[in-house]
Protein backbone atom coordinates (compact mmCIF):
# COMPACT_ATOMS: atom_id res chain seq x y z
CA MET A 1 -23.26 -26.73 -3.22
CA GLN A 2 -19.67 -25.97 -4.23
CA ARG A 3 -19.99 -22.46 -2.78
CA HIS A 4 -21.03 -23.90 0.59
CA ARG A 5 -18.06 -26.25 0.64
CA ARG A 6 -15.61 -23.41 0.09
CA ARG A 7 -17.03 -21.51 2.99
CA GLY A 8 -16.82 -24.46 5.34
CA CYS A 9 -18.37 -23.88 8.72
CA ASP A 10 -18.15 -20.08 8.82
CA PRO A 11 -21.93 -19.48 8.80
CA LEU A 12 -22.42 -22.08 11.57
CA ALA A 13 -19.61 -20.57 13.60
CA GLN A 14 -21.14 -17.10 13.30
CA LEU A 15 -24.60 -18.35 14.28
CA ALA A 16 -23.14 -20.13 17.33
CA ARG A 17 -21.31 -16.93 18.32
CA ASP A 18 -24.49 -14.93 17.89
CA ILE A 19 -26.39 -17.34 20.16
CA LEU A 20 -23.70 -17.13 22.86
CA ASN A 21 -23.48 -13.34 22.55
CA GLY A 22 -27.26 -13.16 22.81
CA LYS A 23 -27.08 -15.16 26.02
CA ASP A 24 -24.57 -12.64 27.42
CA LEU A 25 -26.80 -9.75 26.38
CA LEU A 26 -29.77 -11.38 28.11
CA HIS A 27 -27.76 -11.63 31.33
CA GLU A 28 -26.77 -7.96 31.05
CA ALA A 29 -30.40 -6.97 30.56
CA VAL A 30 -31.52 -8.96 33.62
CA GLY A 31 -28.76 -7.30 35.66
CA ARG A 32 -29.73 -3.83 34.51
CA ALA A 33 -33.41 -4.54 35.25
CA VAL A 34 -32.65 -5.69 38.79
CA GLY A 35 -30.36 -2.68 39.36
CA GLY A 36 -33.07 -0.38 38.04
CA PHE A 37 -35.65 -1.96 40.31
CA PHE A 38 -33.42 -1.47 43.34
CA GLY A 39 -33.02 2.15 42.29
CA LEU A 40 -36.79 2.61 42.00
CA VAL A 41 -37.33 1.35 45.50
CA GLY A 42 -34.70 3.77 46.80
CA ARG A 43 -31.91 1.37 47.73
CA PRO A 44 -28.38 2.81 48.13
CA ARG A 45 -26.11 2.82 45.11
CA ILE A 46 -23.85 0.09 46.54
CA GLU A 47 -26.83 -2.23 46.99
CA ARG A 48 -28.00 -1.52 43.43
CA ALA A 49 -24.55 -2.29 42.06
CA PHE A 50 -24.31 -5.51 44.09
CA ALA A 51 -27.80 -6.66 43.11
CA GLN A 52 -27.12 -5.87 39.43
CA GLU A 53 -23.88 -7.85 39.40
CA LEU A 54 -25.43 -10.77 41.28
CA ALA A 55 -28.45 -10.92 38.96
CA ARG A 56 -26.16 -10.74 35.92
CA ARG A 57 -24.23 -13.81 37.10
CA ILE A 58 -27.10 -16.05 38.18
CA PRO A 59 -27.76 -18.80 35.61
CA LEU A 60 -31.02 -18.41 33.74
CA PRO A 61 -33.26 -21.41 32.93
CA ILE A 62 -32.60 -20.98 29.19
CA ASP A 63 -28.79 -20.85 29.50
CA ALA A 64 -28.22 -24.58 29.12
CA LYS A 65 -30.43 -24.79 26.05
CA LEU A 66 -28.75 -21.85 24.32
CA SER A 67 -25.27 -23.18 25.12
CA ALA A 68 -26.23 -26.65 23.88
CA ALA A 69 -27.61 -25.22 20.65
CA ALA A 70 -24.46 -23.21 20.05
CA ARG A 71 -22.17 -26.14 20.82
CA GLY A 72 -24.24 -28.40 18.57
CA LEU A 73 -23.79 -25.97 15.70
CA GLN A 74 -20.08 -25.81 16.35
CA ILE A 75 -19.72 -29.58 16.45
CA ALA A 76 -21.71 -29.84 13.20
CA GLY A 77 -19.39 -27.21 11.69
CA ILE A 78 -16.32 -29.20 12.73
CA TYR A 79 -17.84 -32.23 11.06
CA ILE A 80 -18.39 -30.22 7.87
CA CYS A 81 -14.73 -29.17 7.91
CA VAL A 82 -13.50 -32.72 8.51
CA VAL A 83 -15.73 -34.23 5.79
CA GLY A 84 -14.81 -31.41 3.39
CA ASN A 85 -11.10 -32.10 3.97
CA ARG A 86 -10.52 -28.54 5.12
CA ASP A 87 -7.40 -27.61 7.02
CA LEU A 88 -8.62 -27.77 10.61
CA ALA A 89 -6.46 -24.75 11.41
CA ASP A 90 -8.95 -22.84 9.21
CA CYS A 91 -12.03 -24.33 10.87
CA ALA A 92 -13.80 -21.42 12.64
CA CYS A 93 -15.97 -23.76 14.72
CA LEU A 94 -13.00 -25.72 15.98
CA ARG A 95 -11.09 -22.54 16.85
CA ASP A 96 -14.07 -21.18 18.77
CA VAL A 97 -14.63 -24.35 20.78
CA ILE A 98 -10.94 -24.72 21.63
CA ARG A 99 -10.67 -21.03 22.58
CA VAL A 100 -13.62 -21.27 24.97
CA GLU A 101 -13.66 -24.88 26.12
CA GLY A 102 -10.12 -26.21 25.68
CA LYS A 103 -8.97 -29.38 23.95
CA GLU A 104 -10.15 -31.85 26.61
CA ARG A 105 -13.70 -30.48 26.61
CA LEU A 106 -13.69 -30.56 22.80
CA GLN A 107 -12.94 -34.30 22.84
CA ARG A 108 -15.82 -34.90 25.26
CA LEU A 109 -18.18 -32.83 23.08
CA ILE A 110 -17.21 -34.74 19.95
CA HIS A 111 -17.68 -38.12 21.65
CA GLY A 112 -21.10 -37.03 22.97
CA ALA A 113 -22.15 -35.72 19.57
CA MET A 114 -21.06 -38.93 17.86
CA GLY A 115 -23.25 -40.90 20.26
CA ASP A 116 -26.17 -38.63 19.51
CA TRP A 117 -25.63 -38.90 15.77
CA GLN A 118 -25.40 -42.70 15.94
CA SER A 119 -28.81 -42.89 17.64
CA LEU A 120 -30.37 -40.30 15.30
CA PRO A 121 -31.56 -42.77 12.62
CA ARG A 122 -33.33 -44.87 15.30
CA ARG A 123 -34.89 -41.76 16.89
CA MET A 124 -36.03 -40.48 13.50
CA ARG A 125 -37.53 -43.85 12.63
CA ASP A 126 -39.31 -44.01 16.01
CA GLY A 127 -40.58 -40.44 15.56
CA VAL A 128 -41.91 -41.14 12.07
CA THR A 129 -43.78 -44.26 13.14
CA GLY A 130 -45.19 -42.39 16.16
CA LEU A 131 -46.97 -39.82 13.91
């Protein structure tokens, strides 16, 4: 347990980064597939490039779930750093969220997570009795 405390949120931060990078890789793969398809059907190069870029940028159904999972890990990591009395300047999860989302968005994420965590005991209790 002591070893985990020293490391703080670094493993959670890395997992969140991996999820977000995986989401980006998925978008790249979809774009390449669409561009390849346009090439197979003989479309001009400019059309293939346009279709590939458009397909890469279109939100996928799983995007929101992956982003939510990554952000949830980051918020949990920030909580670990706070509870562990770590210097928040060394909190990898906090740095990642601020870098990508900004301070205002971070405050909204924390408030939303706190609401979720407050209702967790009730939801767990309801889920256990529903088995």
